[in-house]
């Protein structure tokens, strides 16, 4: 059985980020193995990538979506994201981060993969997310960076 992995927007943007060579290299290593996982993302990631100002870079980023399952952001996901905000897991300006987590949880992913250490990949945030999930009878989720997988 393959691990089910949800990719947030930072995973796509890191693939072409020349400002952080180590992160880019680790992202490329992950992409070389992406078929070993059941990988997915959401409409939100697509929408965020579509806002890339440079047309060539935007095309490159959007092409990374090929072959991935793309989940539609649902009302259930938005309601769960709102609950994360109300519980103080995320602030109101971090709603998109909350939606990414909610999308991963509602679609029953094993892992949310991200490079966003400030808002997602940290022990405290993961504990708070899983506390809310447990209180609602939802599954817990691992939130990790590519080097951990």
C-alpha atoms as a PDB file:
ATOM      1  CA  UNK A   1       0.000   0.000   0.000  1.00  0.00           C
ATOM      2  CA  UNK A   2       1.363   3.409  -0.984  1.00  0.00           C
ATOM      3  CA  UNK A   3       1.413   6.298   1.457  1.00  0.00           C
ATOM      4  CA  UNK A   4      -1.156   8.955   0.596  1.00  0.00           C
ATOM      5  CA  UNK A   5       0.601  12.320   0.436  1.00  0.00           C
ATOM      6  CA  UNK A   6      -0.910  15.773   0.047  1.00  0.00           C
ATOM      7  CA  UNK A   7       1.468  18.389  -1.400  1.00  0.00           C
ATOM      8  CA  UNK A   8       0.992  21.991  -0.391  1.00  0.00           C
ATOM      9  CA  UNK A   9       1.994  24.847  -2.679  1.00  0.00           C
ATOM     10  CA  UNK A  10       5.484  25.197  -1.216  1.00  0.00           C
ATOM     11  CA  UNK A  11       6.486  21.799  -2.619  1.00  0.00           C
ATOM     12  CA  UNK A  12       5.783  22.955  -6.162  1.00  0.00           C
ATOM     13  CA  UNK A  13       7.437  26.356  -5.823  1.00  0.00           C
ATOM     14  CA  UNK A  14      10.574  24.860  -4.218  1.00  0.00           C
ATOM     15  CA  UNK A  15      11.156  22.757  -7.334  1.00  0.00           C
ATOM     16  CA  UNK A  16      12.228  25.865  -9.238  1.00  0.00           C
ATOM     17  CA  UNK A  17      13.472  28.047  -6.375  1.00  0.00           C
ATOM     18  CA  UNK A  18      17.073  28.996  -7.164  1.00  0.00           C
ATOM     19  CA  UNK A  19      17.389  31.034  -3.944  1.00  0.00           C
ATOM     20  CA  UNK A  20      17.505  27.882  -1.788  1.00  0.00           C
ATOM     21  CA  UNK A  21      19.688  25.272  -3.567  1.00  0.00           C
ATOM     22  CA  UNK A  22      19.522  22.676  -0.767  1.00  0.00           C
ATOM     23  CA  UNK A  23      15.749  22.866  -0.555  1.00  0.00           C
ATOM     24  CA  UNK A  24      15.485  22.726  -4.331  1.00  0.00           C
ATOM     25  CA  UNK A  25      17.754  19.660  -4.477  1.00  0.00           C
ATOM     26  CA  UNK A  26      15.754  17.861  -1.775  1.00  0.00           C
ATOM     27  CA  UNK A  27      12.544  18.737  -3.610  1.00  0.00           C
ATOM     28  CA  UNK A  28      13.936  17.353  -6.867  1.00  0.00           C
ATOM     29  CA  UNK A  29      14.894  14.157  -5.009  1.00  0.00           C
ATOM     30  CA  UNK A  30      11.312  13.862  -3.742  1.00  0.00           C
ATOM     31  CA  UNK A  31       9.868  14.432  -7.238  1.00  0.00           C
ATOM     32  CA  UNK A  32      12.120  11.661  -8.580  1.00  0.00           C
ATOM     33  CA  UNK A  33      10.241   9.307  -6.211  1.00  0.00           C
ATOM     34  CA  UNK A  34       6.781  10.875  -6.369  1.00  0.00           C
ATOM     35  CA  UNK A  35       5.296   7.800  -8.097  1.00  0.00           C
ATOM     36  CA  UNK A  36       6.190   5.701  -5.045  1.00  0.00           C
ATOM     37  CA  UNK A  37       3.365   7.543  -3.273  1.00  0.00           C
ATOM     38  CA  UNK A  38      -0.278   8.232  -3.931  1.00  0.00           C
ATOM     39  CA  UNK A  39       0.275  11.963  -4.328  1.00  0.00           C
ATOM     40  CA  UNK A  40      -2.350  14.677  -4.477  1.00  0.00           C
ATOM     41  CA  UNK A  41      -3.040  18.338  -3.927  1.00  0.00           C
ATOM     42  CA  UNK A  42      -6.068  20.605  -4.135  1.00  0.00           C
ATOM     43  CA  UNK A  43      -7.662  23.291  -6.241  1.00  0.00           C
ATOM     44  CA  UNK A  44      -6.249  25.762  -3.725  1.00  0.00           C
ATOM     45  CA  UNK A  45      -2.671  24.850  -4.655  1.00  0.00           C
ATOM     46  CA  UNK A  46      -3.577  25.183  -8.333  1.00  0.00           C
ATOM     47  CA  UNK A  47      -5.127  28.601  -7.675  1.00  0.00           C
ATOM     48  CA  UNK A  48      -2.059  29.748  -5.723  1.00  0.00           C
ATOM     49  CA  UNK A  49       0.307  28.544  -8.460  1.00  0.00           C
ATOM     50  CA  UNK A  50      -1.823  30.229 -11.128  1.00  0.00           C
ATOM     51  CA  UNK A  51      -1.068  33.584  -9.467  1.00  0.00           C
ATOM     52  CA  UNK A  52       2.643  33.279 -10.320  1.00  0.00           C
ATOM     53  CA  UNK A  53       3.416  36.523 -12.181  1.00  0.00           C
ATOM     54  CA  UNK A  54       5.983  35.126 -14.632  1.00  0.00           C
ATOM     55  CA  UNK A  55       4.119  33.269 -17.400  1.00  0.00           C
ATOM     56  CA  UNK A  56       6.919  30.776 -18.108  1.00  0.00           C
ATOM     57  CA  UNK A  57       7.393  29.944 -14.434  1.00  0.00           C
ATOM     58  CA  UNK A  58       3.609  29.675 -13.993  1.00  0.00           C
ATOM     59  CA  UNK A  59       3.467  27.105 -16.829  1.00  0.00           C
ATOM     60  CA  UNK A  60       6.347  25.147 -15.280  1.00  0.00           C
ATOM     61  CA  UNK A  61       4.702  25.106 -11.869  1.00  0.00           C
ATOM     62  CA  UNK A  62       1.277  24.130 -13.185  1.00  0.00           C
ATOM     63  CA  UNK A  63       2.836  21.313 -15.229  1.00  0.00           C
ATOM     64  CA  UNK A  64       3.956  19.706 -11.951  1.00  0.00           C
ATOM     65  CA  UNK A  65       0.274  19.035 -11.253  1.00  0.00           C
ATOM     66  CA  UNK A  66       0.159  16.539 -14.141  1.00  0.00           C
ATOM     67  CA  UNK A  67      -0.362  13.032 -12.825  1.00  0.00           C
ATOM     68  CA  UNK A  68      -1.433  14.137  -9.353  1.00  0.00           C
ATOM     69  CA  UNK A  69      -4.928  13.706  -7.966  1.00  0.00           C
ATOM     70  CA  UNK A  70      -6.479  17.163  -7.643  1.00  0.00           C
ATOM     71  CA  UNK A  71      -9.054  17.500  -4.846  1.00  0.00           C
ATOM     72  CA  UNK A  72     -11.818  20.051  -5.127  1.00  0.00           C
ATOM     73  CA  UNK A  73     -11.978  22.260  -2.027  1.00  0.00           C
ATOM     74  CA  UNK A  74     -15.329  21.434  -0.436  1.00  0.00           C
ATOM     75  CA  UNK A  75     -17.557  23.019   2.153  1.00  0.00           C
ATOM     76  CA  UNK A  76     -16.445  20.351   4.644  1.00  0.00           C
ATOM     77  CA  UNK A  77     -12.842  21.392   4.116  1.00  0.00           C
ATOM     78  CA  UNK A  78     -13.643  25.077   4.571  1.00  0.00           C
ATOM     79  CA  UNK A  79     -15.650  24.331   7.736  1.00  0.00           C
ATOM     80  CA  UNK A  80     -12.777  22.308   9.188  1.00  0.00           C
ATOM     81  CA  UNK A  81     -10.331  25.096   8.307  1.00  0.00           C
ATOM     82  CA  UNK A  82     -12.616  27.537  10.121  1.00  0.00           C
ATOM     83  CA  UNK A  83     -12.605  25.260  13.171  1.00  0.00           C
ATOM     84  CA  UNK A  84      -8.788  25.262  13.130  1.00  0.00           C
ATOM     85  CA  UNK A  85      -8.843  29.071  13.125  1.00  0.00           C
ATOM     86  CA  UNK A  86     -11.480  29.225  15.882  1.00  0.00           C
ATOM     87  CA  UNK A  87      -9.394  26.822  17.991  1.00  0.00           C
ATOM     88  CA  UNK A  88      -6.344  29.065  17.590  1.00  0.00           C
ATOM     89  CA  UNK A  89      -4.373  26.553  15.534  1.00  0.00           C
ATOM     90  CA  UNK A  90      -4.090  29.101  12.720  1.00  0.00           C
ATOM     91  CA  UNK A  91      -4.695  32.845  12.640  1.00  0.00           C
ATOM     92  CA  UNK A  92      -7.283  34.394  10.363  1.00  0.00           C
ATOM     93  CA  UNK A  93      -4.554  35.481   7.933  1.00  0.00           C
ATOM     94  CA  UNK A  94      -3.386  31.847   7.676  1.00  0.00           C
ATOM     95  CA  UNK A  95      -6.684  30.541   6.308  1.00  0.00           C
ATOM     96  CA  UNK A  96      -5.097  29.032   3.182  1.00  0.00           C
ATOM     97  CA  UNK A  97      -2.710  27.015   5.356  1.00  0.00           C
ATOM     98  CA  UNK A  98      -5.711  25.806   7.362  1.00  0.00           C
ATOM     99  CA  UNK A  99      -7.515  24.857   4.129  1.00  0.00           C
ATOM    100  CA  UNK A 100      -4.501  22.851   2.936  1.00  0.00           C
ATOM    101  CA  UNK A 101      -4.483  20.916   6.210  1.00  0.00           C
ATOM    102  CA  UNK A 102      -8.241  20.432   6.097  1.00  0.00           C
ATOM    103  CA  UNK A 103      -8.050  19.200   2.501  1.00  0.00           C
ATOM    104  CA  UNK A 104      -5.423  16.655   3.484  1.00  0.00           C
ATOM    105  CA  UNK A 105      -7.426  15.482   6.506  1.00  0.00           C
ATOM    106  CA  UNK A 106     -10.829  15.301   4.806  1.00  0.00           C
ATOM    107  CA  UNK A 107      -9.370  13.334   1.883  1.00  0.00           C
ATOM    108  CA  UNK A 108      -7.710  10.949   4.352  1.00  0.00           C
ATOM    109  CA  UNK A 109      -4.076  11.593   3.440  1.00  0.00           C
ATOM    110  CA  UNK A 110      -1.377  10.032   5.612  1.00  0.00           C
ATOM    111  CA  UNK A 111       1.002  12.978   5.259  1.00  0.00           C
ATOM    112  CA  UNK A 112       0.887  16.645   4.351  1.00  0.00           C
ATOM    113  CA  UNK A 113       4.219  17.525   2.744  1.00  0.00           C
ATOM    114  CA  UNK A 114       5.352  21.136   3.021  1.00  0.00           C
ATOM    115  CA  UNK A 115       8.370  23.434   3.232  1.00  0.00           C
ATOM    116  CA  UNK A 116       6.383  25.955   5.282  1.00  0.00           C
ATOM    117  CA  UNK A 117       8.118  25.615   8.648  1.00  0.00           C
ATOM    118  CA  UNK A 118       6.637  28.813  10.059  1.00  0.00           C
ATOM    119  CA  UNK A 119       2.983  27.898   9.527  1.00  0.00           C
ATOM    120  CA  UNK A 120       2.821  24.126   9.025  1.00  0.00           C
ATOM    121  CA  UNK A 121       5.878  21.951   9.584  1.00  0.00           C
ATOM    122  CA  UNK A 122       6.415  22.261  13.290  1.00  0.00           C
ATOM    123  CA  UNK A 123       5.690  20.080  16.260  1.00  0.00           C
ATOM    124  CA  UNK A 124       3.399  22.526  18.078  1.00  0.00           C
ATOM    125  CA  UNK A 125       1.186  23.188  15.067  1.00  0.00           C
ATOM    126  CA  UNK A 126       0.971  19.470  14.250  1.00  0.00           C
ATOM    127  CA  UNK A 127      -0.062  18.696  17.841  1.00  0.00           C
ATOM    128  CA  UNK A 128      -2.756  21.388  17.763  1.00  0.00           C
ATOM    129  CA  UNK A 129      -4.096  20.191  14.400  1.00  0.00           C
ATOM    130  CA  UNK A 130      -4.271  16.622  15.658  1.00  0.00           C
ATOM    131  CA  UNK A 131      -5.912  17.701  18.907  1.00  0.00           C
ATOM    132  CA  UNK A 132      -8.728  19.347  16.945  1.00  0.00           C
ATOM    133  CA  UNK A 133      -8.962  16.356  14.608  1.00  0.00           C
ATOM    134  CA  UNK A 134      -9.219  13.906  17.498  1.00  0.00           C
ATOM    135  CA  UNK A 135     -11.891  16.012  19.216  1.00  0.00           C
ATOM    136  CA  UNK A 136     -13.939  15.889  15.995  1.00  0.00           C
ATOM    137  CA  UNK A 137     -13.415  12.171  15.382  1.00  0.00           C
ATOM    138  CA  UNK A 138     -11.170  12.857  12.398  1.00  0.00           C
ATOM    139  CA  UNK A 139      -7.880  11.117  11.635  1.00  0.00           C
ATOM    140  CA  UNK A 140      -4.578  12.598  12.707  1.00  0.00           C
ATOM    141  CA  UNK A 141      -2.057  13.640  10.088  1.00  0.00           C
ATOM    142  CA  UNK A 142       1.697  13.906   9.841  1.00  0.00           C
ATOM    143  CA  UNK A 143       2.929  17.288   8.609  1.00  0.00           C
ATOM    144  CA  UNK A 144       6.517  16.937   7.436  1.00  0.00           C
ATOM    145  CA  UNK A 145       9.118  18.278   4.994  1.00  0.00           C
ATOM    146  CA  UNK A 146      10.521  16.302   2.030  1.00  0.00           C
ATOM    147  CA  UNK A 147      13.751  15.216   3.766  1.00  0.00           C
ATOM    148  CA  UNK A 148      11.642  13.299   6.289  1.00  0.00           C
ATOM    149  CA  UNK A 149      10.040  11.023   3.726  1.00  0.00           C
END
